[in-house]
Amino acid sequence: MKPTTQLIDDPHKGLALAEQDVYLGERAEDELIMHLERDQFVEKTSRPVPRAALSARATAALWALRVFVVLVSLMVLYTFIDQLH
């Protein structure tokens, strides 16, 4: 959630921007989590992350990057082995 912003009329400072504290409930939950035992903490915080939905273009770019990394790794390995002789 985004914090909402409102203008406050202050006679000494003019108009100032103030944020409402919308994270108060989350902070209380964080304080409770701090007092959990290690196994309880791990159980509470480890949640599987779903796979990101990527466009075909992004998927192709990631595959191209993988191929590039493999090719460069092979080139470095070949150069290293060649320099040993």
C-alpha atoms as a PDB file:
ATOM      1  CA  MET A   1       0.000   0.000   0.000  1.00  0.00           C
ATOM      2  CA  LYS A   2       1.144   3.500  -0.749  1.00  0.00           C
ATOM      3  CA  PRO A   3       1.062   6.063   2.003  1.00  0.00           C
ATOM      4  CA  THR A   4      -1.463   8.788   1.310  1.00  0.00           C
ATOM      5  CA  THR A   5      -0.303  12.366   1.376  1.00  0.00           C
ATOM      6  CA  GLN A   6      -2.175  15.405   2.553  1.00  0.00           C
ATOM      7  CA  LEU A   7      -1.385  19.099   2.879  1.00  0.00           C
ATOM      8  CA  ILE A   8      -1.313  20.611   6.362  1.00  0.00           C
ATOM      9  CA  ASP A   9      -1.703  24.328   6.863  1.00  0.00           C
ATOM     10  CA  ASP A  10       0.875  25.426   9.443  1.00  0.00           C
ATOM     11  CA  PRO A  11       0.879  29.184  10.165  1.00  0.00           C
ATOM     12  CA  HIS A  12       4.599  29.195  11.044  1.00  0.00           C
ATOM     13  CA  LYS A  13       5.913  27.017   8.251  1.00  0.00           C
ATOM     14  CA  GLY A  14       3.319  27.513   5.545  1.00  0.00           C
ATOM     15  CA  LEU A  15       1.996  24.452   3.786  1.00  0.00           C
ATOM     16  CA  ALA A  16       3.905  21.299   4.667  1.00  0.00           C
ATOM     17  CA  LEU A  17       3.612  17.819   3.316  1.00  0.00           C
ATOM     18  CA  ALA A  18       2.779  15.086   5.785  1.00  0.00           C
ATOM     19  CA  GLU A  19       2.367  11.357   5.326  1.00  0.00           C
ATOM     20  CA  GLN A  20      -0.116   9.329   7.240  1.00  0.00           C
ATOM     21  CA  ASP A  21       1.304   6.305   8.944  1.00  0.00           C
ATOM     22  CA  VAL A  22      -0.444   3.480   7.105  1.00  0.00           C
ATOM     23  CA  TYR A  23       2.216   0.967   8.016  1.00  0.00           C
ATOM     24  CA  LEU A  24       1.302   0.883  11.711  1.00  0.00           C
ATOM     25  CA  GLY A  25      -0.367  -2.525  11.458  1.00  0.00           C
ATOM     26  CA  GLU A  26       2.605  -3.941   9.539  1.00  0.00           C
ATOM     27  CA  ARG A  27       5.032  -2.646  12.156  1.00  0.00           C
ATOM     28  CA  ALA A  28       3.107  -4.377  14.933  1.00  0.00           C
ATOM     29  CA  GLU A  29       3.286  -7.645  12.980  1.00  0.00           C
ATOM     30  CA  ASP A  30       7.036  -7.135  12.421  1.00  0.00           C
ATOM     31  CA  GLU A  31       7.556  -6.703  16.164  1.00  0.00           C
ATOM     32  CA  LEU A  32       5.761  -9.983  16.801  1.00  0.00           C
ATOM     33  CA  ILE A  33       7.899 -11.745  14.187  1.00  0.00           C
ATOM     34  CA  MET A  34      11.077 -10.499  15.906  1.00  0.00           C
ATOM     35  CA  HIS A  35      10.205 -12.538  19.011  1.00  0.00           C
ATOM     36  CA  LEU A  36       9.635 -15.841  17.212  1.00  0.00           C
ATOM     37  CA  GLU A  37      12.032 -18.743  17.523  1.00  0.00           C
ATOM     38  CA  ARG A  38      14.191 -19.524  14.494  1.00  0.00           C
ATOM     39  CA  ASP A  39      12.073 -22.403  13.155  1.00  0.00           C
ATOM     40  CA  GLN A  40       8.885 -20.401  13.665  1.00  0.00           C
ATOM     41  CA  PHE A  41      10.449 -17.432  11.885  1.00  0.00           C
ATOM     42  CA  VAL A  42      11.509 -19.562   8.914  1.00  0.00           C
ATOM     43  CA  GLU A  43       8.067 -21.133   8.682  1.00  0.00           C
ATOM     44  CA  LYS A  44       6.374 -17.726   8.839  1.00  0.00           C
ATOM     45  CA  THR A  45       8.610 -15.955   6.310  1.00  0.00           C
ATOM     46  CA  SER A  46       9.378 -18.650   3.725  1.00  0.00           C
ATOM     47  CA  ARG A  47       6.726 -18.548   1.061  1.00  0.00           C
ATOM     48  CA  PRO A  48       7.176 -19.856  -2.480  1.00  0.00           C
ATOM     49  CA  VAL A  49       7.298 -17.117  -5.075  1.00  0.00           C
ATOM     50  CA  PRO A  50       5.248 -17.749  -8.213  1.00  0.00           C
ATOM     51  CA  ARG A  51       6.986 -17.720 -11.559  1.00  0.00           C
ATOM     52  CA  ALA A  52       6.938 -14.305 -13.216  1.00  0.00           C
ATOM     53  CA  ALA A  53       4.789 -13.925 -16.302  1.00  0.00           C
ATOM     54  CA  LEU A  54       7.154 -12.675 -19.012  1.00  0.00           C
ATOM     55  CA  SER A  55       6.445 -11.684 -22.562  1.00  0.00           C
ATOM     56  CA  ALA A  56       7.845 -13.745 -25.421  1.00  0.00           C
ATOM     57  CA  ARG A  57      10.357 -10.998 -26.110  1.00  0.00           C
ATOM     58  CA  ALA A  58      11.667 -11.019 -22.534  1.00  0.00           C
ATOM     59  CA  THR A  59      11.887 -14.822 -22.528  1.00  0.00           C
ATOM     60  CA  ALA A  60      13.858 -14.753 -25.788  1.00  0.00           C
ATOM     61  CA  ALA A  61      16.194 -12.108 -24.367  1.00  0.00           C
ATOM     62  CA  LEU A  62      16.848 -14.220 -21.262  1.00  0.00           C
ATOM     63  CA  TRP A  63      17.585 -17.297 -23.388  1.00  0.00           C
ATOM     64  CA  ALA A  64      19.955 -15.229 -25.551  1.00  0.00           C
ATOM     65  CA  LEU A  65      21.706 -14.067 -22.393  1.00  0.00           C
ATOM     66  CA  ARG A  66      22.070 -17.675 -21.191  1.00  0.00           C
ATOM     67  CA  VAL A  67      23.575 -18.730 -24.528  1.00  0.00           C
ATOM     68  CA  PHE A  68      25.947 -15.757 -24.462  1.00  0.00           C
ATOM     69  CA  VAL A  69      27.132 -16.613 -20.937  1.00  0.00           C
ATOM     70  CA  VAL A  70      27.781 -20.238 -21.917  1.00  0.00           C
ATOM     71  CA  LEU A  71      29.723 -19.206 -25.041  1.00  0.00           C
ATOM     72  CA  VAL A  72      31.849 -16.681 -23.167  1.00  0.00           C
ATOM     73  CA  SER A  73      32.519 -19.232 -20.429  1.00  0.00           C
ATOM     74  CA  LEU A  74      33.682 -21.741 -23.034  1.00  0.00           C
ATOM     75  CA  MET A  75      35.944 -19.110 -24.603  1.00  0.00           C
ATOM     76  CA  VAL A  76      37.505 -18.277 -21.240  1.00  0.00           C
ATOM     77  CA  LEU A  77      37.991 -21.958 -20.437  1.00  0.00           C
ATOM     78  CA  TYR A  78      39.590 -22.593 -23.842  1.00  0.00           C
ATOM     79  CA  THR A  79      41.934 -19.614 -23.406  1.00  0.00           C
ATOM     80  CA  PHE A  80      42.928 -20.753 -19.917  1.00  0.00           C
ATOM     81  CA  ILE A  81      43.686 -24.288 -21.089  1.00  0.00           C
ATOM     82  CA  ASP A  82      45.538 -22.993 -24.157  1.00  0.00           C
ATOM     83  CA  GLN A  83      47.744 -20.753 -21.978  1.00  0.00           C
ATOM     84  CA  LEU A  84      48.755 -23.738 -19.810  1.00  0.00           C
ATOM     85  CA  HIS A  85      50.652 -25.308 -22.736  1.00  0.00           C
END
